[in-house]
Amino acid sequence: MTPINQLMRAIMDDQKETYEKMMGTLGIVLKGDDKNLTGKPLMKRTMQIWINAADTLLSMIVTK
């Protein structure tokens, strides 16, 4: 949970250098208009990319 907390805190505190470095390390790539987002909208989009619920649910169903 620590990486999630660190990333979300950096986004909410508008520490652009910090969260861009973390996103690169985690393989989160923002495209198009997503690059202009800040604050809560950026946090929401980052979570959508990083933790794709559809893939997670599908893998849980397949492994059960």
N, C-alpha and C. Protein backbone atom coordinates (compact mmCIF):
# COMPACT_ATOMS: atom_id res chain seq x y z
N MET A 1 0.81 -1.20 0.00
CA MET A 1 0.00 0.00 0.00
C MET A 1 0.86 1.27 0.00
N THR A 2 2.10 1.16 0.42
CA THR A 2 2.95 2.35 0.50
C THR A 2 3.15 3.02 -0.86
N PRO A 3 3.43 2.29 -1.95
CA PRO A 3 3.57 2.98 -3.24
C PRO A 3 2.31 3.73 -3.66
N ILE A 4 1.16 3.15 -3.39
CA ILE A 4 -0.10 3.82 -3.72
C ILE A 4 -0.22 5.11 -2.93
N ASN A 5 0.04 5.04 -1.63
CA ASN A 5 -0.05 6.23 -0.78
C ASN A 5 0.94 7.30 -1.21
N GLN A 6 2.16 6.92 -1.50
CA GLN A 6 3.17 7.88 -1.91
C GLN A 6 2.78 8.56 -3.22
N LEU A 7 2.32 7.78 -4.18
CA LEU A 7 1.93 8.33 -5.47
C LEU A 7 0.74 9.27 -5.33
N MET A 8 -0.28 8.85 -4.60
CA MET A 8 -1.47 9.68 -4.43
C MET A 8 -1.13 10.97 -3.68
N ARG A 9 -0.27 10.89 -2.67
CA ARG A 9 0.12 12.09 -1.91
C ARG A 9 0.88 13.06 -2.82
N ALA A 10 1.79 12.54 -3.64
CA ALA A 10 2.56 13.39 -4.55
C ALA A 10 1.64 14.07 -5.56
N ILE A 11 0.64 13.35 -6.06
CA ILE A 11 -0.31 13.94 -7.01
C ILE A 11 -1.13 15.03 -6.33
N MET A 12 -1.66 14.76 -5.16
CA MET A 12 -2.50 15.73 -4.47
C MET A 12 -1.71 16.96 -4.00
N ASP A 13 -0.42 16.77 -3.71
CA ASP A 13 0.43 17.90 -3.30
C ASP A 13 1.06 18.60 -4.49
N ASP A 14 0.72 18.17 -5.70
CA ASP A 14 1.20 18.74 -6.96
C ASP A 14 2.73 18.74 -7.05
N GLN A 15 3.32 17.60 -6.66
CA GLN A 15 4.77 17.40 -6.76
C GLN A 15 5.04 16.68 -8.08
N LYS A 16 5.01 17.45 -9.16
CA LYS A 16 5.04 16.89 -10.51
C LYS A 16 6.28 16.03 -10.78
N GLU A 17 7.45 16.49 -10.39
CA GLU A 17 8.67 15.72 -10.63
C GLU A 17 8.60 14.37 -9.92
N THR A 18 8.09 14.36 -8.70
CA THR A 18 8.01 13.13 -7.91
C THR A 18 7.04 12.14 -8.54
N TYR A 19 5.81 12.59 -8.85
CA TYR A 19 4.84 11.62 -9.37
C TYR A 19 5.16 11.19 -10.80
N GLU A 20 5.78 12.04 -11.60
CA GLU A 20 6.16 11.62 -12.95
C GLU A 20 7.23 10.54 -12.89
N LYS A 21 8.19 10.68 -11.98
CA LYS A 21 9.23 9.67 -11.82
C LYS A 21 8.62 8.35 -11.34
N MET A 22 7.70 8.42 -10.37
CA MET A 22 7.06 7.21 -9.86
C MET A 22 6.22 6.53 -10.95
N MET A 23 5.50 7.34 -11.74
CA MET A 23 4.68 6.77 -12.81
C MET A 23 5.56 6.06 -13.84
N GLY A 24 6.70 6.64 -14.16
CA GLY A 24 7.62 5.99 -15.09
C GLY A 24 8.12 4.66 -14.56
N THR A 25 8.44 4.63 -13.28
CA THR A 25 8.92 3.40 -12.65
C THR A 25 7.84 2.33 -12.62
N LEU A 26 6.59 2.75 -12.39
CA LEU A 26 5.48 1.80 -12.30
C LEU A 26 4.88 1.44 -13.66
N GLY A 27 5.35 2.08 -14.72
CA GLY A 27 4.86 1.77 -16.06
C GLY A 27 3.52 2.42 -16.38
N ILE A 28 3.21 3.52 -15.71
CA ILE A 28 1.96 4.25 -15.96
C ILE A 28 2.26 5.33 -16.99
N VAL A 29 1.62 5.23 -18.16
CA VAL A 29 1.86 6.18 -19.24
C VAL A 29 0.58 6.97 -19.48
N LEU A 30 0.68 8.29 -19.34
CA LEU A 30 -0.46 9.16 -19.63
C LEU A 30 -0.40 9.59 -21.08
N LYS A 31 -1.55 9.59 -21.74
CA LYS A 31 -1.61 9.94 -23.15
C LYS A 31 -2.56 11.11 -23.35
N GLY A 32 -2.30 11.89 -24.37
CA GLY A 32 -3.20 12.97 -24.79
C GLY A 32 -3.53 13.96 -23.69
N ASP A 33 -4.82 14.18 -23.50
CA ASP A 33 -5.30 15.16 -22.53
C ASP A 33 -5.02 14.76 -21.08
N ASP A 34 -4.75 13.49 -20.84
CA ASP A 34 -4.45 13.03 -19.48
C ASP A 34 -3.22 13.73 -18.91
N LYS A 35 -2.30 14.14 -19.76
CA LYS A 35 -1.07 14.80 -19.31
C LYS A 35 -1.36 16.17 -18.69
N ASN A 36 -2.49 16.77 -19.03
CA ASN A 36 -2.83 18.10 -18.51
C ASN A 36 -3.62 18.05 -17.21
N LEU A 37 -4.00 16.86 -16.75
CA LEU A 37 -4.79 16.74 -15.54
C LEU A 37 -3.95 17.05 -14.31
N THR A 38 -4.61 17.54 -13.26
CA THR A 38 -3.95 17.77 -11.98
C THR A 38 -4.91 17.39 -10.86
N GLY A 39 -4.37 17.19 -9.68
CA GLY A 39 -5.19 16.93 -8.50
C GLY A 39 -6.00 15.65 -8.60
N LYS A 40 -7.24 15.74 -8.13
CA LYS A 40 -8.11 14.57 -8.05
C LYS A 40 -8.38 13.91 -9.40
N PRO A 41 -8.63 14.67 -10.48
CA PRO A 41 -8.82 14.01 -11.78
C PRO A 41 -7.60 13.19 -12.22
N LEU A 42 -6.39 13.72 -11.94
CA LEU A 42 -5.18 12.99 -12.27
C LEU A 42 -5.06 11.74 -11.42
N MET A 43 -5.37 11.85 -10.15
CA MET A 43 -5.33 10.70 -9.25
C MET A 43 -6.29 9.61 -9.74
N LYS A 44 -7.48 10.01 -10.12
CA LYS A 44 -8.49 9.06 -10.60
C LYS A 44 -8.02 8.35 -11.88
N ARG A 45 -7.50 9.12 -12.82
CA ARG A 45 -7.03 8.55 -14.09
C ARG A 45 -5.84 7.63 -13.87
N THR A 46 -4.94 8.02 -12.97
CA THR A 46 -3.78 7.18 -12.66
C THR A 46 -4.21 5.83 -12.12
N MET A 47 -5.18 5.83 -11.22
CA MET A 47 -5.66 4.58 -10.66
C MET A 47 -6.36 3.73 -11.72
N GLN A 48 -7.07 4.38 -12.64
CA GLN A 48 -7.73 3.63 -13.71
C GLN A 48 -6.72 2.92 -14.59
N ILE A 49 -5.61 3.57 -14.86
CA ILE A 49 -4.57 2.96 -15.69
C ILE A 49 -3.81 1.89 -14.92
N TRP A 50 -3.42 2.22 -13.70
CA TRP A 50 -2.55 1.34 -12.91
C TRP A 50 -3.27 0.08 -12.45
N ILE A 51 -4.45 0.24 -11.92
CA ILE A 51 -5.20 -0.91 -11.39
C ILE A 51 -6.46 -1.05 -12.23
N ASN A 52 -6.33 -1.77 -13.31
CA ASN A 52 -7.46 -1.96 -14.22
C ASN A 52 -8.41 -2.98 -13.60
N ALA A 53 -9.56 -2.52 -13.15
CA ALA A 53 -10.52 -3.37 -12.44
C ALA A 53 -11.03 -4.51 -13.31
N ALA A 54 -11.26 -4.27 -14.57
CA ALA A 54 -11.79 -5.31 -15.45
C ALA A 54 -10.81 -6.49 -15.54
N ASP A 55 -9.54 -6.21 -15.75
CA ASP A 55 -8.55 -7.28 -15.82
C ASP A 55 -8.40 -8.00 -14.49
N THR A 56 -8.45 -7.25 -13.41
CA THR A 56 -8.32 -7.84 -12.09
C THR A 56 -9.49 -8.78 -11.79
N LEU A 57 -10.70 -8.33 -12.06
CA LEU A 57 -11.88 -9.16 -11.82
C LEU A 57 -11.86 -10.41 -12.71
N LEU A 58 -11.48 -10.25 -13.96
CA LEU A 58 -11.41 -11.39 -14.86
C LEU A 58 -10.40 -12.42 -14.37
N SER A 59 -9.26 -11.97 -13.94
CA SER A 59 -8.25 -12.92 -13.45
C SER A 59 -8.72 -13.60 -12.17
N MET A 60 -9.49 -12.90 -11.32
CA MET A 60 -10.01 -13.52 -10.10
C MET A 60 -11.03 -14.59 -10.46
N ILE A 61 -11.86 -14.33 -11.45
CA ILE A 61 -12.90 -15.29 -11.85
C ILE A 61 -12.24 -16.52 -12.48
N VAL A 62 -11.26 -16.31 -13.32
CA VAL A 62 -10.60 -17.41 -14.03
C VAL A 62 -9.84 -18.31 -13.06
N THR A 63 -9.24 -17.73 -12.03
CA THR A 63 -8.43 -18.53 -11.10
C THR A 63 -9.27 -19.24 -10.04
N LYS A 64 -10.52 -18.89 -9.90
CA LYS A 64 -11.39 -19.53 -8.87
C LYS A 64 -11.94 -20.84 -9.36
